């Protein structure tokens, strides 16, 4: 009977050791997931900031194009009026 009890105790200790190992591995996985999440958040923020810079550059380019288009239209109008005078 005492031997059976000793075997049961050894098995319980083995199970306890294995559970501690599983807990440790789970903590490591959680830590890695947290690091990955931080990295993803950082990259997501960088992507948003990059998109904002691109949109600003596009807006500036559009403004310049509008300005040039207006200058061309004015020049075309001036040329037309000069032709009409001659």
C-alpha atoms as a PDB file:
ATOM      1  CA  UNK A   1       0.000   0.000   0.000  1.00  0.00           C
ATOM      2  CA  UNK A   2       2.805   2.351   0.862  1.00  0.00           C
ATOM      3  CA  UNK A   3       4.530   1.546  -2.431  1.00  0.00           C
ATOM      4  CA  UNK A   4       1.334   2.367  -4.356  1.00  0.00           C
ATOM      5  CA  UNK A   5       1.050   5.650  -2.498  1.00  0.00           C
ATOM      6  CA  UNK A   6       4.705   6.397  -3.323  1.00  0.00           C
ATOM      7  CA  UNK A   7       4.064   5.704  -7.050  1.00  0.00           C
ATOM      8  CA  UNK A   8       1.039   7.986  -6.992  1.00  0.00           C
ATOM      9  CA  UNK A   9       3.093  10.734  -5.338  1.00  0.00           C
ATOM     10  CA  UNK A  10       5.841  10.331  -7.968  1.00  0.00           C
ATOM     11  CA  UNK A  11       3.295  10.568 -10.753  1.00  0.00           C
ATOM     12  CA  UNK A  12       1.768  13.673  -9.181  1.00  0.00           C
ATOM     13  CA  UNK A  13       5.209  15.256  -8.885  1.00  0.00           C
ATOM     14  CA  UNK A  14       5.923  14.387 -12.525  1.00  0.00           C
ATOM     15  CA  UNK A  15       2.630  15.934 -13.568  1.00  0.00           C
ATOM     16  CA  UNK A  16       3.366  19.004 -11.471  1.00  0.00           C
ATOM     17  CA  UNK A  17       6.789  19.368 -13.107  1.00  0.00           C
ATOM     18  CA  UNK A  18       5.279  18.998 -16.566  1.00  0.00           C
ATOM     19  CA  UNK A  19       2.587  21.572 -15.764  1.00  0.00           C
ATOM     20  CA  UNK A  20       5.247  24.017 -14.596  1.00  0.00           C
ATOM     21  CA  UNK A  21       7.069  23.444 -17.886  1.00  0.00           C
ATOM     22  CA  UNK A  22       3.870  24.072 -19.833  1.00  0.00           C
ATOM     23  CA  UNK A  23       3.243  27.248 -17.808  1.00  0.00           C
ATOM     24  CA  UNK A  24       6.756  28.467 -18.564  1.00  0.00           C
ATOM     25  CA  UNK A  25       6.371  27.769 -22.284  1.00  0.00           C
ATOM     26  CA  UNK A  26       2.975  29.475 -22.294  1.00  0.00           C
ATOM     27  CA  UNK A  27       4.460  32.551 -20.637  1.00  0.00           C
ATOM     28  CA  UNK A  28       7.207  32.585 -23.288  1.00  0.00           C
ATOM     29  CA  UNK A  29       4.598  32.365 -26.053  1.00  0.00           C
ATOM     30  CA  UNK A  30       2.585  35.184 -24.478  1.00  0.00           C
ATOM     31  CA  UNK A  31       5.725  37.319 -24.231  1.00  0.00           C
ATOM     32  CA  UNK A  32       6.539  36.682 -27.885  1.00  0.00           C
ATOM     33  CA  UNK A  33       2.960  37.502 -28.904  1.00  0.00           C
ATOM     34  CA  UNK A  34       3.161  40.766 -26.957  1.00  0.00           C
ATOM     35  CA  UNK A  35       6.427  41.656 -28.737  1.00  0.00           C
ATOM     36  CA  UNK A  36       4.907  40.811 -32.108  1.00  0.00           C
ATOM     37  CA  UNK A  37       1.875  42.955 -31.296  1.00  0.00           C
ATOM     38  CA  UNK A  38       4.109  45.894 -30.382  1.00  0.00           C
ATOM     39  CA  UNK A  39       6.039  45.468 -33.630  1.00  0.00           C
ATOM     40  CA  UNK A  40       2.840  45.282 -35.663  1.00  0.00           C
ATOM     41  CA  UNK A  41       1.435  48.347 -33.932  1.00  0.00           C
ATOM     42  CA  UNK A  42       4.646  50.235 -34.643  1.00  0.00           C
ATOM     43  CA  UNK A  43       4.648  49.232 -38.312  1.00  0.00           C
ATOM     44  CA  UNK A  44       0.960  50.062 -38.620  1.00  0.00           C
ATOM     45  CA  UNK A  45       1.614  53.533 -37.243  1.00  0.00           C
ATOM     46  CA  UNK A  46       4.559  53.978 -39.629  1.00  0.00           C
ATOM     47  CA  UNK A  47       2.331  52.953 -42.544  1.00  0.00           C
ATOM     48  CA  UNK A  48      -0.335  55.456 -41.537  1.00  0.00           C
ATOM     49  CA  UNK A  49       2.261  58.223 -41.253  1.00  0.00           C
ATOM     50  CA  UNK A  50       3.729  57.241 -44.624  1.00  0.00           C
ATOM     51  CA  UNK A  51       0.263  57.317 -46.192  1.00  0.00           C
ATOM     52  CA  UNK A  52      -0.314  60.773 -44.734  1.00  0.00           C
ATOM     53  CA  UNK A  53       2.969  62.022 -46.228  1.00  0.00           C
ATOM     54  CA  UNK A  54       2.055  60.540 -49.617  1.00  0.00           C
ATOM     55  CA  UNK A  55      -1.385  62.144 -49.529  1.00  0.00           C
ATOM     56  CA  UNK A  56       0.190  65.502 -48.689  1.00  0.00           C
ATOM     57  CA  UNK A  57       2.640  65.115 -51.583  1.00  0.00           C
ATOM     58  CA  UNK A  58      -0.238  64.248 -53.922  1.00  0.00           C
ATOM     59  CA  UNK A  59      -2.184  67.271 -52.698  1.00  0.00           C
ATOM     60  CA  UNK A  60       0.822  69.529 -53.293  1.00  0.00           C
ATOM     61  CA  UNK A  61       1.339  68.047 -56.757  1.00  0.00           C
ATOM     62  CA  UNK A  62      -2.325  68.585 -57.591  1.00  0.00           C
ATOM     63  CA  UNK A  63      -2.063  72.206 -56.476  1.00  0.00           C
ATOM     64  CA  UNK A  64       0.977  72.710 -58.715  1.00  0.00           C
ATOM     65  CA  UNK A  65      -0.773  71.063 -61.647  1.00  0.00           C
ATOM     66  CA  UNK A  66      -3.830  73.258 -61.125  1.00  0.00           C
ATOM     67  CA  UNK A  67      -1.584  76.338 -61.087  1.00  0.00           C
ATOM     68  CA  UNK A  68       0.208  75.276 -64.299  1.00  0.00           C
ATOM     69  CA  UNK A  69      -3.109  74.406 -65.981  1.00  0.00           C
ATOM     70  CA  UNK A  70      -4.446  77.854 -65.113  1.00  0.00           C
ATOM     71  CA  UNK A  71      -1.294  79.490 -66.506  1.00  0.00           C
ATOM     72  CA  UNK A  72      -1.625  77.489 -69.731  1.00  0.00           C
ATOM     73  CA  UNK A  73      -5.287  78.448 -70.044  1.00  0.00           C
ATOM     74  CA  UNK A  74      -4.448  82.109 -69.533  1.00  0.00           C
ATOM     75  CA  UNK A  75      -1.654  81.913 -72.095  1.00  0.00           C
ATOM     76  CA  UNK A  76      -3.941  80.200 -74.598  1.00  0.00           C
ATOM     77  CA  UNK A  77      -6.524  82.911 -74.027  1.00  0.00           C
ATOM     78  CA  UNK A  78      -3.912  85.630 -74.549  1.00  0.00           C
ATOM     79  CA  UNK A  79      -2.737  83.984 -77.777  1.00  0.00           C
ATOM     80  CA  UNK A  80      -6.322  83.700 -79.003  1.00  0.00           C
ATOM     81  CA  UNK A  81      -7.000  87.377 -78.245  1.00  0.00           C
ATOM     82  CA  UNK A  82      -3.792  88.412 -79.992  1.00  0.00           C
ATOM     83  CA  UNK A  83      -4.796  86.443 -83.072  1.00  0.00           C
ATOM     84  CA  UNK A  84      -8.175  88.125 -83.030  1.00  0.00           C
ATOM     85  CA  UNK A  85      -6.551  91.581 -83.076  1.00  0.00           C
ATOM     86  CA  UNK A  86      -4.525  90.839 -86.181  1.00  0.00           C
END
